[in-house]
Amino acid sequence: MQSSRLTVVVCACALSALVAGIADAQTTTPDRSGEELYRFACAACHGADGTGAPQSQVGFDDPLPDFTDCSFNTPEAAADWFAVAHDGGPVRAFSRRMPAFGGALTVAELERTVERVRGFCEDAAWPRGDLNFPRALVTEKAFPENEALVTTAIQTASSREVTNALIYERRIGARSQWEVQVPLTMQAAEGSQWRRGLGDVAVALKHVLFHSINSGSIVSVAGEVVLPTGKESEGLGSGVMKFEPFIAAGQMLGSSSFVQTQVGAEIPRLRDRAETEAFWRGAAGTTFVQGEFGRSWTPIIELTALRELERGRPVEWDVVPQLQVSLSRRQHILVSGGVRIPLSERGERHTQVLTYVLWDWFDGGLRDGWR
């Protein structure tokens, strides 16, 4: 969550009066709707229409979010909204003006209130953040994101190789995203010096075809162009432009587990220079939370398959066990590490160590959200 986003989700002014009103109402209307709960606990500062009350009314100058702005309302999962409503702003390193309502409202009431707040976004084109599953090391996810990553792939064998890639992703409107990936590669055969240089740069577009919070499903289509920017003579690039269309899908399993799949092909522009490849990738994982609203730990297992579309070529199978961990209290800085282990053609292929550091920059700066 961005510092200007859920900064003040519920008003601190007149909190005692609101709590008293809530307690009194509980004796007569135990099954209050989300709309009623919102009027009791939130409208004093956020306004009946969700756009925020004027500063003259709330008595402070902290920016109040506009719940009707879908670009603000939808990216976060309901669990993050619930955490802030339950424990207050500091639980996610936001303003202390955001009070905790866990002692005034039941879990069910808080959930109904959060659902009412999220209902202020009336444009159904925007996927809910609950469908933004943890990022796997290899499998692309379907949710459109605003992220920056540094990824690393290390291979230690007779031919050593280290590839660092800078990836920048930016959302376009409700359903789309563009991405650029810039790899920097170092290679060295046994007994030789390291060669360093730019690899093949890739640019991509992704668009969500279908999403449903009720079924917990999301499906996207994407296309990537890999440019021959790396020196082929030094083994830093393929020397040919490639096109990579693919479909990515995600499915929620319960409240904390998920599966993600990706199917596509890598098609060279010059067929006499490289072979067309088809690939399938799948990831399954579950998230554990430290304490009630603390650090998240997500073990993931991936299975990948790649085959050149030439008669007689074998399928290259890999398994990738990994672990993603959130670092910041806002959970917008995450790290992941794992090992890509060949399951077939092991004489020609070697184990790789894969890592990334992820920054969800839409949720705040690198120095934000830590305390």
Protein backbone atom coordinates (compact mmCIF):
# COMPACT_ATOMS: atom_id res chain seq x y z
CA MET A 1 0.00 0.00 0.00
CA GLN A 2 1.29 3.39 -1.01
CA SER A 3 1.95 5.98 1.69
CA SER A 4 -0.72 8.22 0.16
CA ARG A 5 -3.04 5.22 -0.14
CA LEU A 6 -4.41 3.66 3.11
CA THR A 7 -2.63 6.40 5.10
CA VAL A 8 -5.76 7.22 7.06
CA VAL A 9 -8.38 4.55 6.51
CA VAL A 10 -10.58 5.43 9.46
CA CYS A 11 -10.78 8.80 11.17
CA ALA A 12 -9.17 9.28 14.57
CA CYS A 13 -11.31 12.30 15.37
CA ALA A 14 -14.32 11.48 17.54
CA LEU A 15 -13.15 7.87 17.85
CA SER A 16 -14.52 7.47 21.34
CA ALA A 17 -17.91 8.73 20.23
CA LEU A 18 -17.93 6.37 17.30
CA VAL A 19 -16.99 3.40 19.47
CA ALA A 20 -19.73 4.30 21.91
CA GLY A 21 -22.21 4.53 19.05
CA ILE A 22 -21.07 1.18 17.71
CA ALA A 23 -21.40 -0.48 21.12
CA ASP A 24 -24.87 0.96 21.55
CA ALA A 25 -25.92 -0.14 18.07
CA GLN A 26 -24.68 -3.69 18.74
CA THR A 27 -27.38 -4.15 21.35
CA THR A 28 -30.12 -3.55 18.79
CA THR A 29 -28.69 -4.43 15.37
CA PRO A 30 -26.20 -7.29 15.75
CA ASP A 31 -26.13 -8.05 12.01
CA ARG A 32 -25.46 -4.59 10.65
CA SER A 33 -24.60 -4.24 6.99
CA GLY A 34 -21.31 -2.97 5.69
CA GLU A 35 -23.01 0.30 4.76
CA GLU A 36 -24.23 0.82 8.33
CA LEU A 37 -20.82 -0.03 9.77
CA TYR A 38 -19.12 2.35 7.34
CA ARG A 39 -21.41 5.19 8.41
CA PHE A 40 -20.60 4.50 12.09
CA ALA A 41 -16.85 4.05 11.82
CA CYS A 42 -15.61 5.69 8.64
CA ALA A 43 -17.91 8.35 7.18
CA ALA A 44 -16.92 11.06 9.68
CA CYS A 45 -13.56 11.39 7.95
CA HIS A 46 -13.99 9.57 4.65
CA GLY A 47 -17.37 11.01 3.78
CA ALA A 48 -20.59 9.22 2.98
CA ASP A 49 -19.48 8.97 -0.66
CA GLY A 50 -15.96 7.68 0.14
CA THR A 51 -14.11 10.63 -1.37
CA GLY A 52 -12.93 12.06 1.97
CA ALA A 53 -14.30 14.76 4.25
CA PRO A 54 -12.88 18.32 4.03
CA GLN A 55 -9.94 19.30 6.24
CA SER A 56 -12.11 21.80 8.11
CA GLN A 57 -14.26 18.91 9.28
CA VAL A 58 -11.61 16.35 10.23
CA GLY A 59 -9.21 18.81 11.88
CA PHE A 60 -5.92 17.57 10.37
CA ASP A 61 -4.11 17.96 7.07
CA ASP A 62 -3.08 14.33 6.40
CA PRO A 63 -4.24 13.38 2.90
CA LEU A 64 -7.38 11.28 2.89
CA PRO A 65 -7.70 8.66 0.15
CA ASP A 66 -10.46 8.63 -2.42
CA PHE A 67 -12.09 5.21 -2.18
CA THR A 68 -13.87 5.77 -5.48
CA ASP A 69 -10.50 5.86 -7.29
CA CYS A 70 -10.17 2.29 -8.55
CA SER A 71 -6.42 2.62 -9.14
CA PHE A 72 -6.11 3.15 -5.37
CA ASN A 73 -8.90 0.88 -4.20
CA THR A 74 -8.25 -2.38 -6.04
CA PRO A 75 -4.50 -3.34 -6.06
CA GLU A 76 -4.30 -4.50 -2.44
CA ALA A 77 -5.69 -7.76 -1.10
CA ALA A 78 -8.57 -7.63 1.39
CA ALA A 79 -6.20 -9.02 4.04
CA ASP A 80 -4.12 -5.81 3.91
CA TRP A 81 -7.19 -3.61 4.28
CA PHE A 82 -8.34 -5.79 7.18
CA ALA A 83 -4.95 -5.56 8.90
CA VAL A 84 -4.99 -1.75 8.88
CA ALA A 85 -8.63 -1.58 9.98
CA HIS A 86 -8.00 -4.08 12.79
CA ASP A 87 -4.64 -2.88 14.17
CA GLY A 88 -4.43 0.68 12.86
CA GLY A 89 -2.05 2.44 10.50
CA PRO A 90 1.23 1.49 12.25
CA VAL A 91 0.72 -2.22 11.49
CA ARG A 92 1.68 -1.40 7.89
CA ALA A 93 3.90 1.60 8.74
CA PHE A 94 1.19 4.16 7.95
CA SER A 95 0.04 7.20 9.93
CA ARG A 96 -0.83 6.79 13.60
CA ARG A 97 -3.94 8.86 12.92
CA MET A 98 -5.40 5.63 11.60
CA PRO A 99 -6.80 3.98 14.77
CA ALA A 100 -7.31 0.29 15.46
CA PHE A 101 -10.89 -0.98 15.39
CA GLY A 102 -10.16 -4.57 16.34
CA GLY A 103 -11.50 -3.92 19.84
CA ALA A 104 -14.67 -2.19 18.66
CA LEU A 105 -15.80 -4.40 15.78
CA THR A 106 -15.89 -8.14 15.38
CA VAL A 107 -13.95 -9.91 12.64
CA ALA A 108 -17.13 -10.36 10.61
CA GLU A 109 -18.03 -6.68 11.02
CA LEU A 110 -14.58 -5.54 9.94
CA GLU A 111 -14.79 -7.79 6.89
CA ARG A 112 -18.16 -6.29 5.94
CA THR A 113 -16.81 -2.78 6.45
CA VAL A 114 -13.77 -3.46 4.26
CA GLU A 115 -16.02 -4.93 1.57
CA ARG A 116 -18.14 -1.77 1.65
CA VAL A 117 -15.06 0.43 1.34
CA ARG A 118 -13.85 -1.58 -1.64
CA GLY A 119 -17.31 -1.36 -3.17
CA PHE A 120 -16.78 2.37 -3.76
CA CYS A 121 -14.86 1.31 -6.89
CA GLU A 122 -17.76 0.68 -9.24
CA ASP A 123 -15.73 -0.21 -12.34
CA ALA A 124 -15.70 -4.01 -12.61
CA ALA A 125 -12.82 -3.91 -15.12
CA TRP A 126 -10.26 -3.61 -12.31
CA PRO A 127 -9.03 -6.97 -10.93
CA ARG A 128 -8.93 -7.22 -7.14
CA GLY A 129 -5.54 -7.44 -5.43
CA ASP A 130 -6.55 -10.79 -3.92
CA LEU A 131 -5.72 -12.22 -7.37
CA ASN A 132 -2.19 -10.77 -7.23
CA PHE A 133 -0.53 -14.00 -6.13
CA PRO A 134 3.13 -14.15 -4.98
CA ARG A 135 5.61 -13.98 -7.84
CA ALA A 136 7.37 -17.22 -8.75
CA LEU A 137 10.96 -17.29 -9.99
CA VAL A 138 10.15 -18.54 -13.50
CA THR A 139 6.38 -18.59 -14.10
CA GLU A 140 4.92 -15.23 -15.17
CA LYS A 141 1.82 -14.18 -13.26
CA ALA A 142 -1.41 -12.91 -14.77
CA PHE A 143 -2.01 -9.84 -12.57
CA PRO A 144 -0.92 -6.44 -14.01
CA GLU A 145 1.67 -4.88 -11.69
CA ASN A 146 3.73 -1.82 -10.80
CA GLU A 147 7.03 -3.39 -9.76
CA ALA A 148 10.79 -3.19 -10.17
CA LEU A 149 13.03 -6.22 -9.72
CA VAL A 150 16.64 -7.28 -9.76
CA THR A 151 16.90 -10.96 -10.66
CA THR A 152 20.00 -13.13 -10.55
CA ALA A 153 20.71 -16.52 -12.14
CA ILE A 154 23.95 -18.28 -11.21
CA GLN A 155 25.29 -21.40 -12.87
CA THR A 156 28.42 -23.06 -11.52
CA ALA A 157 29.74 -25.72 -13.87
CA SER A 158 32.61 -26.04 -16.33
CA SER A 159 31.10 -22.99 -18.01
CA ARG A 160 30.26 -20.45 -15.34
CA GLU A 161 27.59 -17.83 -15.87
CA VAL A 162 25.98 -15.08 -13.80
CA THR A 163 23.09 -13.08 -15.25
CA ASN A 164 21.59 -10.09 -13.45
CA ALA A 165 18.45 -8.59 -14.98
CA LEU A 166 16.75 -5.30 -14.23
CA ILE A 167 12.98 -5.56 -14.76
CA TYR A 168 10.55 -2.64 -14.70
CA GLU A 169 6.78 -3.17 -14.88
CA ARG A 170 4.12 -0.45 -15.13
CA ARG A 171 0.38 -0.83 -15.17
CA ILE A 172 -1.72 0.72 -17.93
CA GLY A 173 -5.28 1.42 -16.84
CA ALA A 174 -7.43 -1.34 -15.38
CA ARG A 175 -6.18 -4.45 -17.14
CA SER A 176 -2.88 -3.89 -18.95
CA GLN A 177 0.84 -3.63 -18.20
CA TRP A 178 4.07 -2.97 -20.08
CA GLU A 179 7.46 -4.32 -19.08
CA VAL A 180 11.11 -3.97 -20.01
CA GLN A 181 13.89 -6.36 -19.04
CA VAL A 182 17.60 -5.54 -19.32
CA PRO A 183 20.01 -8.44 -18.64
CA LEU A 184 23.69 -8.03 -17.76
CA THR A 185 25.65 -11.25 -18.19
CA MET A 186 29.05 -12.51 -17.07
CA GLN A 187 30.47 -15.76 -18.53
CA ALA A 188 33.68 -17.71 -18.22
CA ALA A 189 34.72 -21.12 -19.47
CA GLU A 190 36.95 -23.19 -17.18
CA GLY A 191 40.37 -21.56 -16.90
CA SER A 192 39.41 -18.48 -18.95
CA GLN A 193 38.70 -14.87 -18.02
CA TRP A 194 35.22 -13.51 -17.46
CA ARG A 195 33.35 -11.87 -20.35
CA ARG A 196 30.88 -9.19 -19.40
CA GLY A 197 28.22 -7.35 -21.34
CA LEU A 198 24.65 -6.55 -22.16
CA GLY A 199 22.38 -9.49 -22.98
CA ASP A 200 19.24 -9.53 -25.11
CA VAL A 201 16.81 -6.82 -23.98
CA ALA A 202 13.11 -7.75 -23.89
CA VAL A 203 9.95 -5.62 -23.94
CA ALA A 204 6.46 -6.98 -23.28
CA LEU A 205 2.77 -6.13 -23.02
CA LYS A 206 0.21 -7.99 -20.91
CA HIS A 207 -3.59 -7.72 -20.80
CA VAL A 208 -6.11 -9.37 -18.48
CA LEU A 209 -8.77 -11.28 -20.42
CA PHE A 210 -10.81 -12.52 -17.45
CA HIS A 211 -10.88 -12.11 -13.70
CA SER A 212 -13.34 -13.07 -10.98
CA ILE A 213 -12.93 -12.54 -7.27
CA ASN A 214 -15.85 -14.93 -6.67
CA SER A 215 -14.15 -17.85 -8.41
CA GLY A 216 -10.64 -16.66 -7.48
CA SER A 217 -9.49 -16.82 -11.10
CA ILE A 218 -7.50 -14.56 -13.44
CA VAL A 219 -6.33 -15.12 -17.03
CA SER A 220 -4.07 -12.88 -19.13
CA VAL A 221 -2.54 -12.87 -22.58
CA ALA A 222 0.88 -11.35 -23.26
CA GLY A 223 3.45 -10.84 -25.95
CA GLU A 224 7.18 -10.26 -25.57
CA VAL A 225 9.80 -9.19 -28.09
CA VAL A 226 13.41 -10.18 -27.37
CA LEU A 227 15.86 -7.88 -29.15
CA PRO A 228 19.31 -9.14 -30.26
CA THR A 229 21.25 -6.57 -28.25
CA GLY A 230 23.78 -9.00 -26.76
CA LYS A 231 26.98 -9.92 -28.62
CA GLU A 232 26.41 -13.34 -30.15
CA SER A 233 30.14 -13.77 -30.82
CA GLU A 234 30.84 -13.61 -27.07
CA GLY A 235 27.91 -15.81 -26.07
CA LEU A 236 25.98 -12.91 -24.54
CA GLY A 237 23.02 -13.03 -26.93
CA SER A 238 21.21 -15.20 -29.47
CA GLY A 239 21.87 -12.90 -32.43
CA VAL A 240 18.23 -13.07 -33.58
CA MET A 241 15.01 -11.29 -32.68
CA LYS A 242 12.43 -13.52 -31.00
CA PHE A 243 8.71 -13.24 -30.31
CA GLU A 244 7.19 -14.83 -27.21
CA PRO A 245 3.38 -14.98 -27.01
CA PHE A 246 1.94 -16.64 -23.91
CA ILE A 247 -1.13 -17.10 -21.74
CA ALA A 248 -0.86 -16.84 -17.94
CA ALA A 249 -3.48 -17.91 -15.42
CA GLY A 250 -3.84 -17.93 -11.64
CA GLN A 251 -6.26 -19.66 -9.32
CA MET A 252 -6.87 -19.01 -5.64
CA LEU A 253 -7.06 -22.09 -3.42
CA GLY A 254 -8.64 -21.17 -0.13
CA SER A 255 -7.49 -18.00 1.59
CA SER A 256 -3.72 -18.43 1.37
CA SER A 257 -2.83 -20.95 -1.36
CA PHE A 258 -2.64 -20.61 -5.13
CA VAL A 259 -1.59 -22.17 -8.40
CA GLN A 260 -0.27 -20.30 -11.45
CA THR A 261 0.39 -21.54 -14.97
CA GLN A 262 1.98 -20.14 -18.12
CA VAL A 263 1.92 -21.61 -21.64
CA GLY A 264 3.62 -20.09 -24.66
CA ALA A 265 6.22 -20.26 -27.39
CA GLU A 266 9.46 -18.54 -28.37
CA ILE A 267 9.50 -17.90 -32.11
CA PRO A 268 12.65 -16.58 -33.85
CA ARG A 269 12.24 -14.07 -36.66
CA LEU A 270 14.84 -15.96 -38.71
CA ARG A 271 13.94 -19.65 -38.59
CA ASP A 272 17.30 -20.70 -40.02
CA ARG A 273 19.13 -19.06 -37.09
CA ALA A 274 17.22 -20.55 -34.15
CA GLU A 275 14.56 -23.12 -33.36
CA THR A 276 10.99 -22.40 -32.26
CA GLU A 277 10.44 -23.51 -28.67
CA ALA A 278 7.23 -24.29 -26.78
CA PHE A 279 7.12 -24.04 -23.00
CA TRP A 280 4.86 -24.76 -20.05
CA ARG A 281 5.36 -23.56 -16.49
CA GLY A 282 3.38 -24.15 -13.35
CA ALA A 283 3.75 -22.92 -9.75
CA ALA A 284 1.92 -23.81 -6.55
CA GLY A 285 2.42 -22.21 -3.16
CA THR A 286 0.91 -21.16 0.12
CA THR A 287 1.54 -18.11 2.31
CA PHE A 288 2.15 -18.24 6.05
CA VAL A 289 1.96 -15.05 8.11
CA GLN A 290 4.20 -14.49 11.12
CA GLY A 291 1.90 -13.56 13.99
CA GLU A 292 -1.43 -12.10 12.94
CA PHE A 293 -0.29 -9.43 10.49
CA GLY A 294 3.49 -9.82 10.35
CA ARG A 295 6.07 -11.02 7.83
CA SER A 296 4.85 -13.35 5.10
CA TRP A 297 6.63 -16.57 4.14
CA THR A 298 5.63 -18.24 0.87
CA PRO A 299 7.17 -21.58 -0.12
CA ILE A 300 6.57 -22.29 -3.82
CA ILE A 301 7.29 -25.28 -6.01
CA GLU A 302 7.55 -24.85 -9.78
CA LEU A 303 7.63 -27.40 -12.57
CA THR A 304 8.75 -26.25 -16.03
CA ALA A 305 8.93 -27.91 -19.44
CA LEU A 306 10.64 -26.72 -22.64
CA ARG A 307 10.82 -28.40 -26.04
CA GLU A 308 12.26 -27.32 -29.36
CA LEU A 309 9.66 -27.96 -32.06
CA GLU A 310 11.93 -30.14 -34.12
CA ARG A 311 11.22 -33.81 -34.70
CA GLY A 312 12.91 -36.03 -32.15
CA ARG A 313 13.87 -33.28 -29.71
CA PRO A 314 13.35 -34.22 -26.02
CA VAL A 315 11.37 -32.28 -23.42
CA GLU A 316 13.55 -30.48 -20.88
CA TRP A 317 11.94 -30.77 -17.45
CA ASP A 318 13.02 -28.71 -14.41
CA VAL A 319 11.81 -28.42 -10.84
CA VAL A 320 12.30 -25.16 -8.91
CA PRO A 321 11.76 -25.21 -5.11
CA GLN A 322 11.88 -21.70 -3.66
CA LEU A 323 10.89 -19.39 -0.81
CA GLN A 324 9.61 -15.81 -0.96
CA VAL A 325 9.83 -13.61 2.17
CA SER A 326 8.53 -10.10 2.77
CA LEU A 327 11.02 -7.69 4.34
CA SER A 328 9.20 -4.40 4.97
CA ARG A 329 6.20 -4.00 7.28
CA ARG A 330 4.27 -2.71 4.27
CA GLN A 331 5.24 -5.92 2.46
CA HIS A 332 6.28 -4.01 -0.65
CA ILE A 333 9.91 -5.16 -0.51
CA LEU A 334 10.31 -8.92 -0.94
CA VAL A 335 13.10 -11.37 -1.65
CA SER A 336 12.97 -14.86 -3.11
CA GLY A 337 15.51 -17.58 -3.68
CA GLY A 338 15.49 -21.07 -5.08
CA VAL A 339 17.27 -23.70 -7.13
CA ARG A 340 16.41 -24.76 -10.69
CA ILE A 341 17.17 -28.46 -10.91
CA PRO A 342 17.13 -30.33 -14.26
CA LEU A 343 15.01 -33.48 -14.24
CA SER A 344 15.92 -34.55 -17.78
CA GLU A 345 18.91 -34.16 -20.12
CA ARG A 346 21.08 -33.75 -17.05
CA GLY A 347 24.30 -34.41 -18.88
CA GLU A 348 23.90 -31.22 -20.92
CA ARG A 349 22.17 -28.97 -18.40
CA HIS A 350 23.22 -27.82 -14.94
CA THR A 351 21.62 -26.64 -11.71
CA GLN A 352 21.06 -22.90 -11.36
CA VAL A 353 20.61 -20.71 -8.30
CA LEU A 354 17.84 -18.14 -8.88
CA THR A 355 17.01 -15.07 -6.76
CA TYR A 356 15.18 -11.78 -6.95
CA VAL A 357 14.65 -8.64 -4.92
CA LEU A 358 11.24 -7.11 -5.65
CA TRP A 359 10.08 -3.55 -5.00
CA ASP A 360 6.38 -2.82 -5.41
CA TRP A 361 7.08 0.87 -6.03
CA PHE A 362 3.41 1.83 -6.22
CA ASP A 363 3.17 1.01 -2.49
CA GLY A 364 5.88 3.44 -1.45
CA GLY A 365 9.58 4.29 -1.76
CA LEU A 366 12.44 1.99 -0.91
CA ARG A 367 12.83 3.73 2.46
CA ASP A 368 9.12 3.76 3.26
CA GLY A 369 7.12 1.19 5.18
CA TRP A 370 9.79 -0.25 7.47
CA ARG A 371 8.65 1.07 10.88
